[in-house]
C-alpha atoms as a PDB file:
ATOM      1  CA  UNK A   1     121.929 216.389 -12.341  1.00  0.00           C
ATOM      2  CA  UNK A   2     123.900 218.367  -9.804  1.00  0.00           C
ATOM      3  CA  UNK A   3     127.005 217.676  -7.810  1.00  0.00           C
ATOM      4  CA  UNK A   4     125.938 217.931  -4.168  1.00  0.00           C
ATOM      5  CA  UNK A   5     129.186 219.602  -3.189  1.00  0.00           C
ATOM      6  CA  UNK A   6     129.693 222.128  -6.014  1.00  0.00           C
ATOM      7  CA  UNK A   7     126.150 222.620  -7.304  1.00  0.00           C
ATOM      8  CA  UNK A   8     127.431 222.180 -10.876  1.00  0.00           C
ATOM      9  CA  UNK A   9     126.004 219.657 -13.350  1.00  0.00           C
ATOM     10  CA  UNK A  10     127.377 216.181 -12.679  1.00  0.00           C
ATOM     11  CA  UNK A  11     128.190 215.514 -16.351  1.00  0.00           C
ATOM     12  CA  UNK A  12     130.482 212.474 -16.019  1.00  0.00           C
ATOM     13  CA  UNK A  13     127.836 210.553 -14.088  1.00  0.00           C
ATOM     14  CA  UNK A  14     125.094 211.658 -16.488  1.00  0.00           C
ATOM     15  CA  UNK A  15     127.123 210.572 -19.512  1.00  0.00           C
ATOM     16  CA  UNK A  16     127.973 207.244 -17.900  1.00  0.00           C
ATOM     17  CA  UNK A  17     124.337 206.598 -16.950  1.00  0.00           C
ATOM     18  CA  UNK A  18     123.110 207.390 -20.448  1.00  0.00           C
ATOM     19  CA  UNK A  19     125.791 205.164 -21.961  1.00  0.00           C
ATOM     20  CA  UNK A  20     124.852 202.273 -19.678  1.00  0.00           C
ATOM     21  CA  UNK A  21     121.157 202.714 -20.421  1.00  0.00           C
ATOM     22  CA  UNK A  22     121.772 202.721 -24.181  1.00  0.00           C
ATOM     23  CA  UNK A  23     123.950 199.639 -23.892  1.00  0.00           C
ATOM     24  CA  UNK A  24     121.181 197.877 -21.987  1.00  0.00           C
ATOM     25  CA  UNK A  25     118.390 198.647 -24.446  1.00  0.00           C
ATOM     26  CA  UNK A  26     120.285 198.447 -27.750  1.00  0.00           C
ATOM     27  CA  UNK A  27     119.683 194.698 -28.231  1.00  0.00           C
ATOM     28  CA  UNK A  28     115.907 195.107 -27.862  1.00  0.00           C
ATOM     29  CA  UNK A  29     115.234 194.891 -31.600  1.00  0.00           C
ATOM     30  CA  UNK A  30     116.624 191.335 -31.619  1.00  0.00           C
ATOM     31  CA  UNK A  31     114.475 190.107 -28.713  1.00  0.00           C
ATOM     32  CA  UNK A  32     111.329 188.023 -28.915  1.00  0.00           C
ATOM     33  CA  UNK A  33     107.996 189.664 -28.135  1.00  0.00           C
ATOM     34  CA  UNK A  34     107.058 189.924 -24.431  1.00  0.00           C
ATOM     35  CA  UNK A  35     106.149 186.492 -23.075  1.00  0.00           C
ATOM     36  CA  UNK A  36     105.019 187.352 -19.539  1.00  0.00           C
ATOM     37  CA  UNK A  37     103.540 190.325 -17.698  1.00  0.00           C
ATOM     38  CA  UNK A  38     104.292 190.473 -13.971  1.00  0.00           C
ATOM     39  CA  UNK A  39     102.828 192.695 -11.271  1.00  0.00           C
ATOM     40  CA  UNK A  40     104.488 192.997  -7.871  1.00  0.00           C
ATOM     41  CA  UNK A  41     103.567 194.389  -4.485  1.00  0.00           C
ATOM     42  CA  UNK A  42     105.440 194.100  -1.237  1.00  0.00           C
ATOM     43  CA  UNK A  43     107.850 195.467   1.325  1.00  0.00           C
ATOM     44  CA  UNK A  44     110.783 197.767   0.607  1.00  0.00           C
ATOM     45  CA  UNK A  45     113.539 197.895   3.221  1.00  0.00           C
ATOM     46  CA  UNK A  46     116.278 200.554   3.246  1.00  0.00           C
ATOM     47  CA  UNK A  47     119.363 200.455   5.477  1.00  0.00           C
ATOM     48  CA  UNK A  48     120.785 203.550   7.216  1.00  0.00           C
ATOM     49  CA  UNK A  49     124.195 203.012   8.800  1.00  0.00           C
ATOM     50  CA  UNK A  50     125.002 206.503  10.117  1.00  0.00           C
ATOM     51  CA  UNK A  51     125.379 205.840  13.891  1.00  0.00           C
ATOM     52  CA  UNK A  52     124.197 209.376  14.717  1.00  0.00           C
ATOM     53  CA  UNK A  53     120.780 208.582  13.239  1.00  0.00           C
ATOM     54  CA  UNK A  54     120.114 205.793  15.738  1.00  0.00           C
ATOM     55  CA  UNK A  55     121.532 207.537  18.832  1.00  0.00           C
ATOM     56  CA  UNK A  56     118.942 208.098  21.532  1.00  0.00           C
ATOM     57  CA  UNK A  57     118.298 211.773  22.078  1.00  0.00           C
ATOM     58  CA  UNK A  58     119.517 212.856  18.638  1.00  0.00           C
ATOM     59  CA  UNK A  59     117.280 215.527  17.104  1.00  0.00           C
ATOM     60  CA  UNK A  60     117.004 213.593  13.816  1.00  0.00           C
ATOM     61  CA  UNK A  61     116.460 209.865  14.220  1.00  0.00           C
ATOM     62  CA  UNK A  62     115.458 206.971  11.981  1.00  0.00           C
ATOM     63  CA  UNK A  63     115.433 203.197  12.123  1.00  0.00           C
ATOM     64  CA  UNK A  64     118.588 201.366  10.945  1.00  0.00           C
ATOM     65  CA  UNK A  65     116.268 199.467   8.595  1.00  0.00           C
ATOM     66  CA  UNK A  66     113.296 201.508   7.429  1.00  0.00           C
ATOM     67  CA  UNK A  67     110.165 199.750   6.158  1.00  0.00           C
ATOM     68  CA  UNK A  68     108.225 200.980   3.147  1.00  0.00           C
ATOM     69  CA  UNK A  69     105.960 199.566   0.442  1.00  0.00           C
ATOM     70  CA  UNK A  70     106.243 199.375  -3.335  1.00  0.00           C
ATOM     71  CA  UNK A  71     104.033 198.589  -6.301  1.00  0.00           C
ATOM     72  CA  UNK A  72     105.399 197.607  -9.688  1.00  0.00           C
ATOM     73  CA  UNK A  73     105.004 195.869 -13.022  1.00  0.00           C
ATOM     74  CA  UNK A  74     107.255 194.522 -15.745  1.00  0.00           C
ATOM     75  CA  UNK A  75     107.515 192.246 -18.764  1.00  0.00           C
ATOM     76  CA  UNK A  76     109.782 189.376 -19.750  1.00  0.00           C
ATOM     77  CA  UNK A  77     111.202 189.081 -23.284  1.00  0.00           C
ATOM     78  CA  UNK A  78     113.229 185.944 -24.189  1.00  0.00           C
ATOM     79  CA  UNK A  79     116.573 186.616 -25.844  1.00  0.00           C
ATOM     80  CA  UNK A  80     115.576 184.023 -28.446  1.00  0.00           C
ATOM     81  CA  UNK A  81     112.719 181.580 -28.938  1.00  0.00           C
ATOM     82  CA  UNK A  82     112.767 178.969 -26.183  1.00  0.00           C
ATOM     83  CA  UNK A  83     115.778 180.539 -24.422  1.00  0.00           C
ATOM     84  CA  UNK A  84     115.980 180.408 -20.596  1.00  0.00           C
ATOM     85  CA  UNK A  85     117.551 183.892 -20.736  1.00  0.00           C
ATOM     86  CA  UNK A  86     115.236 186.899 -20.858  1.00  0.00           C
ATOM     87  CA  UNK A  87     115.366 190.683 -20.705  1.00  0.00           C
ATOM     88  CA  UNK A  88     112.981 191.716 -17.916  1.00  0.00           C
ATOM     89  CA  UNK A  89     112.508 195.500 -17.584  1.00  0.00           C
ATOM     90  CA  UNK A  90     110.280 196.694 -14.747  1.00  0.00           C
ATOM     91  CA  UNK A  91     109.224 199.798 -12.880  1.00  0.00           C
ATOM     92  CA  UNK A  92     108.295 200.307  -9.215  1.00  0.00           C
ATOM     93  CA  UNK A  93     106.895 203.312  -7.379  1.00  0.00           C
ATOM     94  CA  UNK A  94     107.282 204.101  -3.685  1.00  0.00           C
ATOM     95  CA  UNK A  95     107.032 207.129  -1.406  1.00  0.00           C
ATOM     96  CA  UNK A  96     107.861 208.196   2.131  1.00  0.00           C
ATOM     97  CA  UNK A  97     108.161 211.169   4.492  1.00  0.00           C
ATOM     98  CA  UNK A  98     111.691 212.476   4.935  1.00  0.00           C
ATOM     99  CA  UNK A  99     113.802 214.953   6.868  1.00  0.00           C
ATOM    100  CA  UNK A 100     117.320 216.264   6.348  1.00  0.00           C
ATOM    101  CA  UNK A 101     119.766 214.950   8.928  1.00  0.00           C
ATOM    102  CA  UNK A 102     122.420 216.995  10.743  1.00  0.00           C
ATOM    103  CA  UNK A 103     125.034 215.066   8.739  1.00  0.00           C
ATOM    104  CA  UNK A 104     123.493 216.152   5.427  1.00  0.00           C
ATOM    105  CA  UNK A 105     121.565 213.013   4.458  1.00  0.00           C
ATOM    106  CA  UNK A 106     117.832 212.673   3.648  1.00  0.00           C
ATOM    107  CA  UNK A 107     116.316 209.979   5.880  1.00  0.00           C
ATOM    108  CA  UNK A 108     112.952 208.283   6.282  1.00  0.00           C
ATOM    109  CA  UNK A 109     111.005 209.652   9.230  1.00  0.00           C
ATOM    110  CA  UNK A 110     107.584 209.740  10.832  1.00  0.00           C
ATOM    111  CA  UNK A 111     104.966 212.063   9.380  1.00  0.00           C
ATOM    112  CA  UNK A 112     105.075 214.287  12.481  1.00  0.00           C
ATOM    113  CA  UNK A 113     108.769 215.101  11.990  1.00  0.00           C
ATOM    114  CA  UNK A 114     109.059 215.206   8.192  1.00  0.00           C
ATOM    115  CA  UNK A 115     109.890 218.298   6.189  1.00  0.00           C
ATOM    116  CA  UNK A 116     109.370 216.778   2.722  1.00  0.00           C
ATOM    117  CA  UNK A 117     107.429 214.128   0.864  1.00  0.00           C
ATOM    118  CA  UNK A 118     109.595 211.927  -1.383  1.00  0.00           C
ATOM    119  CA  UNK A 119     108.353 210.101  -4.487  1.00  0.00           C
ATOM    120  CA  UNK A 120     110.537 207.402  -6.003  1.00  0.00           C
ATOM    121  CA  UNK A 121     110.525 205.572  -9.332  1.00  0.00           C
ATOM    122  CA  UNK A 122     112.785 202.544  -9.712  1.00  0.00           C
ATOM    123  CA  UNK A 123     113.603 201.486 -13.273  1.00  0.00           C
ATOM    124  CA  UNK A 124     115.219 198.048 -13.349  1.00  0.00           C
ATOM    125  CA  UNK A 125     116.634 196.455 -16.536  1.00  0.00           C
ATOM    126  CA  UNK A 126     118.059 193.035 -15.635  1.00  0.00           C
ATOM    127  CA  UNK A 127     118.907 189.925 -17.621  1.00  0.00           C
ATOM    128  CA  UNK A 128     117.211 186.924 -15.962  1.00  0.00           C
ATOM    129  CA  UNK A 129     117.911 183.189 -16.230  1.00  0.00           C
ATOM    130  CA  UNK A 130     114.997 180.829 -15.464  1.00  0.00           C
ATOM    131  CA  UNK A 131     115.401 177.199 -14.423  1.00  0.00           C
ATOM    132  CA  UNK A 132     112.305 174.938 -14.373  1.00  0.00           C
ATOM    133  CA  UNK A 133     112.292 172.717 -11.287  1.00  0.00           C
ATOM    134  CA  UNK A 134     109.233 170.797 -12.490  1.00  0.00           C
ATOM    135  CA  UNK A 135     106.214 171.332 -14.715  1.00  0.00           C
ATOM    136  CA  UNK A 136     104.808 173.755 -12.137  1.00  0.00           C
ATOM    137  CA  UNK A 137     107.763 175.344 -10.322  1.00  0.00           C
ATOM    138  CA  UNK A 138     110.426 177.703 -11.693  1.00  0.00           C
ATOM    139  CA  UNK A 139     113.326 179.499 -10.047  1.00  0.00           C
ATOM    140  CA  UNK A 140     114.963 182.530 -11.681  1.00  0.00           C
ATOM    141  CA  UNK A 141     117.978 184.718 -10.985  1.00  0.00           C
ATOM    142  CA  UNK A 142     118.923 188.029 -12.550  1.00  0.00           C
ATOM    143  CA  UNK A 143     121.518 190.797 -12.639  1.00  0.00           C
ATOM    144  CA  UNK A 144     121.196 194.213 -14.213  1.00  0.00           C
ATOM    145  CA  UNK A 145     121.286 197.981 -14.222  1.00  0.00           C
ATOM    146  CA  UNK A 146     118.887 199.947 -12.051  1.00  0.00           C
ATOM    147  CA  UNK A 147     118.026 203.616 -11.651  1.00  0.00           C
ATOM    148  CA  UNK A 148     116.502 204.955  -8.419  1.00  0.00           C
ATOM    149  CA  UNK A 149     114.876 208.253  -9.435  1.00  0.00           C
ATOM    150  CA  UNK A 150     113.739 210.318  -6.441  1.00  0.00           C
ATOM    151  CA  UNK A 151     112.231 213.774  -5.970  1.00  0.00           C
ATOM    152  CA  UNK A 152     111.431 215.584  -2.716  1.00  0.00           C
ATOM    153  CA  UNK A 153     108.525 218.006  -2.342  1.00  0.00           C
ATOM    154  CA  UNK A 154     108.278 220.592   0.445  1.00  0.00           C
ATOM    155  CA  UNK A 155     105.476 220.198   2.964  1.00  0.00           C
ATOM    156  CA  UNK A 156     105.338 223.654   4.606  1.00  0.00           C
ATOM    157  CA  UNK A 157     107.759 226.443   5.510  1.00  0.00           C
ATOM    158  CA  UNK A 158     110.515 228.261   3.618  1.00  0.00           C
ATOM    159  CA  UNK A 159     113.087 226.680   5.929  1.00  0.00           C
ATOM    160  CA  UNK A 160     111.813 223.275   4.873  1.00  0.00           C
ATOM    161  CA  UNK A 161     111.967 224.395   1.224  1.00  0.00           C
ATOM    162  CA  UNK A 162     115.704 224.978   1.647  1.00  0.00           C
ATOM    163  CA  UNK A 163     116.039 221.451   3.015  1.00  0.00           C
ATOM    164  CA  UNK A 164     114.065 220.113   0.059  1.00  0.00           C
ATOM    165  CA  UNK A 165     116.602 221.650  -2.322  1.00  0.00           C
ATOM    166  CA  UNK A 166     119.398 219.986  -0.375  1.00  0.00           C
ATOM    167  CA  UNK A 167     117.593 216.638  -0.522  1.00  0.00           C
ATOM    168  CA  UNK A 168     117.166 216.794  -4.278  1.00  0.00           C
ATOM    169  CA  UNK A 169     120.780 217.832  -4.726  1.00  0.00           C
ATOM    170  CA  UNK A 170     121.763 214.815  -2.634  1.00  0.00           C
ATOM    171  CA  UNK A 171     119.546 212.381  -4.572  1.00  0.00           C
ATOM    172  CA  UNK A 172     120.908 213.485  -7.960  1.00  0.00           C
ATOM    173  CA  UNK A 173     124.495 214.287  -6.985  1.00  0.00           C
ATOM    174  CA  UNK A 174     127.507 211.960  -7.184  1.00  0.00           C
ATOM    175  CA  UNK A 175     125.619 209.288  -9.130  1.00  0.00           C
ATOM    176  CA  UNK A 176     123.363 208.297  -6.224  1.00  0.00           C
ATOM    177  CA  UNK A 177     120.577 207.421  -8.650  1.00  0.00           C
ATOM    178  CA  UNK A 178     122.547 204.461 -10.059  1.00  0.00           C
ATOM    179  CA  UNK A 179     122.232 201.197  -8.113  1.00  0.00           C
ATOM    180  CA  UNK A 180     122.835 197.844  -9.897  1.00  0.00           C
ATOM    181  CA  UNK A 181     120.373 195.116  -8.958  1.00  0.00           C
ATOM    182  CA  UNK A 182     120.219 191.379  -8.284  1.00  0.00           C
ATOM    183  CA  UNK A 183     117.008 189.344  -8.440  1.00  0.00           C
ATOM    184  CA  UNK A 184     115.890 185.949  -7.109  1.00  0.00           C
ATOM    185  CA  UNK A 185     112.380 184.747  -8.009  1.00  0.00           C
ATOM    186  CA  UNK A 186     110.364 181.605  -7.256  1.00  0.00           C
ATOM    187  CA  UNK A 187     107.089 180.959  -9.117  1.00  0.00           C
ATOM    188  CA  UNK A 188     104.299 178.385  -9.293  1.00  0.00           C
ATOM    189  CA  UNK A 189     102.236 177.813 -12.463  1.00  0.00           C
ATOM    190  CA  UNK A 190      98.594 177.823 -11.409  1.00  0.00           C
ATOM    191  CA  UNK A 191      97.206 177.512 -14.947  1.00  0.00           C
ATOM    192  CA  UNK A 192      98.660 177.713 -18.453  1.00  0.00           C
ATOM    193  CA  UNK A 193      98.178 181.485 -18.280  1.00  0.00           C
ATOM    194  CA  UNK A 194      98.487 182.474 -14.617  1.00  0.00           C
ATOM    195  CA  UNK A 195     101.202 181.914 -12.035  1.00  0.00           C
ATOM    196  CA  UNK A 196     102.235 183.465  -8.741  1.00  0.00           C
ATOM    197  CA  UNK A 197     105.218 183.472  -6.424  1.00  0.00           C
ATOM    198  CA  UNK A 198     107.750 185.510  -4.474  1.00  0.00           C
ATOM    199  CA  UNK A 199     110.575 187.709  -5.682  1.00  0.00           C
ATOM    200  CA  UNK A 200     113.474 189.236  -3.764  1.00  0.00           C
ATOM    201  CA  UNK A 201     115.586 192.060  -5.142  1.00  0.00           C
ATOM    202  CA  UNK A 202     118.548 194.014  -3.834  1.00  0.00           C
ATOM    203  CA  UNK A 203     119.721 197.427  -5.091  1.00  0.00           C
ATOM    204  CA  UNK A 204     123.410 197.874  -4.359  1.00  0.00           C
ATOM    205  CA  UNK A 205     124.517 201.464  -3.527  1.00  0.00           C
ATOM    206  CA  UNK A 206     127.860 201.335  -5.341  1.00  0.00           C
ATOM    207  CA  UNK A 207     128.076 205.142  -5.157  1.00  0.00           C
ATOM    208  CA  UNK A 208     129.296 204.661  -1.582  1.00  0.00           C
ATOM    209  CA  UNK A 209     132.605 203.622  -3.135  1.00  0.00           C
ATOM    210  CA  UNK A 210     133.299 207.241  -4.152  1.00  0.00           C
ATOM    211  CA  UNK A 211     131.027 209.529  -2.085  1.00  0.00           C
ATOM    212  CA  UNK A 212     133.238 209.151   1.038  1.00  0.00           C
ATOM    213  CA  UNK A 213     130.419 209.554   3.565  1.00  0.00           C
ATOM    214  CA  UNK A 214     132.069 206.905   5.723  1.00  0.00           C
ATOM    215  CA  UNK A 215     128.998 204.886   6.751  1.00  0.00           C
ATOM    216  CA  UNK A 216     129.828 201.632   4.957  1.00  0.00           C
ATOM    217  CA  UNK A 217     129.097 200.159   1.545  1.00  0.00           C
ATOM    218  CA  UNK A 218     125.538 199.025   2.367  1.00  0.00           C
ATOM    219  CA  UNK A 219     124.364 202.428   3.619  1.00  0.00           C
ATOM    220  CA  UNK A 220     121.084 203.244   1.796  1.00  0.00           C
ATOM    221  CA  UNK A 221     120.920 199.819   0.184  1.00  0.00           C
ATOM    222  CA  UNK A 222     117.373 198.833  -0.799  1.00  0.00           C
ATOM    223  CA  UNK A 223     115.888 195.344  -0.463  1.00  0.00           C
ATOM    224  CA  UNK A 224     112.524 194.201  -1.860  1.00  0.00           C
ATOM    225  CA  UNK A 225     110.418 191.221  -0.786  1.00  0.00           C
ATOM    226  CA  UNK A 226     107.405 191.073  -3.101  1.00  0.00           C
ATOM    227  CA  UNK A 227     104.467 188.927  -4.062  1.00  0.00           C
ATOM    228  CA  UNK A 228     104.359 188.452  -7.822  1.00  0.00           C
ATOM    229  CA  UNK A 229     101.481 187.562 -10.144  1.00  0.00           C
ATOM    230  CA  UNK A 230     102.510 186.330 -13.586  1.00  0.00           C
ATOM    231  CA  UNK A 231     100.317 186.379 -16.681  1.00  0.00           C
ATOM    232  CA  UNK A 232     101.391 184.694 -19.905  1.00  0.00           C
ATOM    233  CA  UNK A 233     100.766 186.889 -22.928  1.00  0.00           C
ATOM    234  CA  UNK A 234      99.417 185.464 -26.152  1.00  0.00           C
ATOM    235  CA  UNK A 235     101.926 185.213 -28.982  1.00  0.00           C
ATOM    236  CA  UNK A 236     101.486 185.011 -32.715  1.00  0.00           C
ATOM    237  CA  UNK A 237     103.150 181.581 -32.742  1.00  0.00           C
ATOM    238  CA  UNK A 238     100.546 180.002 -30.425  1.00  0.00           C
ATOM    239  CA  UNK A 239      98.142 177.666 -32.175  1.00  0.00           C
ATOM    240  CA  UNK A 240      94.611 178.964 -32.392  1.00  0.00           C
ATOM    241  CA  UNK A 241      91.816 177.102 -30.666  1.00  0.00           C
ATOM    242  CA  UNK A 242      90.133 174.733 -33.098  1.00  0.00           C
ATOM    243  CA  UNK A 243      86.964 176.191 -34.561  1.00  0.00           C
ATOM    244  CA  UNK A 244      83.710 174.377 -34.297  1.00  0.00           C
ATOM    245  CA  UNK A 245      83.045 172.398 -37.463  1.00  0.00           C
ATOM    246  CA  UNK A 246      79.502 172.193 -38.698  1.00  0.00           C
ATOM    247  CA  UNK A 247      78.447 168.707 -39.764  1.00  0.00           C
ATOM    248  CA  UNK A 248      78.467 168.209 -43.481  1.00  0.00           C
ATOM    249  CA  UNK A 249      74.988 167.513 -44.703  1.00  0.00           C
ATOM    250  CA  UNK A 250      74.621 164.128 -46.324  1.00  0.00           C
ATOM    251  CA  UNK A 251      72.532 163.509 -49.378  1.00  0.00           C
ATOM    252  CA  UNK A 252      69.495 161.342 -48.898  1.00  0.00           C
END
């Protein structure tokens, strides 16, 4: 990772990120086996608070709240058998067209004005608490670490290639890949195996506390509103279905 200002490796942020990731996954050996598999698909919103980006007539413009789409999947592993607490790692992919603003920030833009194509992978590792509201309905809330891993790819000219380098330096500099997350989920049990619902997530851009760009704490915050399909995985502790028993022949 590179510091966007000096071009040198951003070692303190890398070391901190690795330490946080290890701390998050170290208890995995003590967890129960995955209980649920969830797939998600929905809308990804990202806020841009630089006033120059929304000024009419500016050469580089974007919406204050860009709209994108994401697709993801994850599992849920109880901290212990029957516990309402679970470790719920997940991954989401998204992509968009981007250009480099006059103020030195990559922003979402229309295909006609973009200089790069950006691919993103979001790795979320929250701890989630689930509260049954009834036999069929469950509400869950979570808090955890999250890593927003982005890479820009040049579309055309050498000039745009220079901008792509600046975008990637921005994405990986100053710890901008680290965004803690909060989760709120509501689900309905359709059958013993299958459920569905809605999940909302927010990725908090805490790097704005030290990057000094001056656009406010929520600049580049990401907000997900997703449909979720839940599938209960079979476990070794589940009782097997009773086998058919052949009638015992009786002696005449």
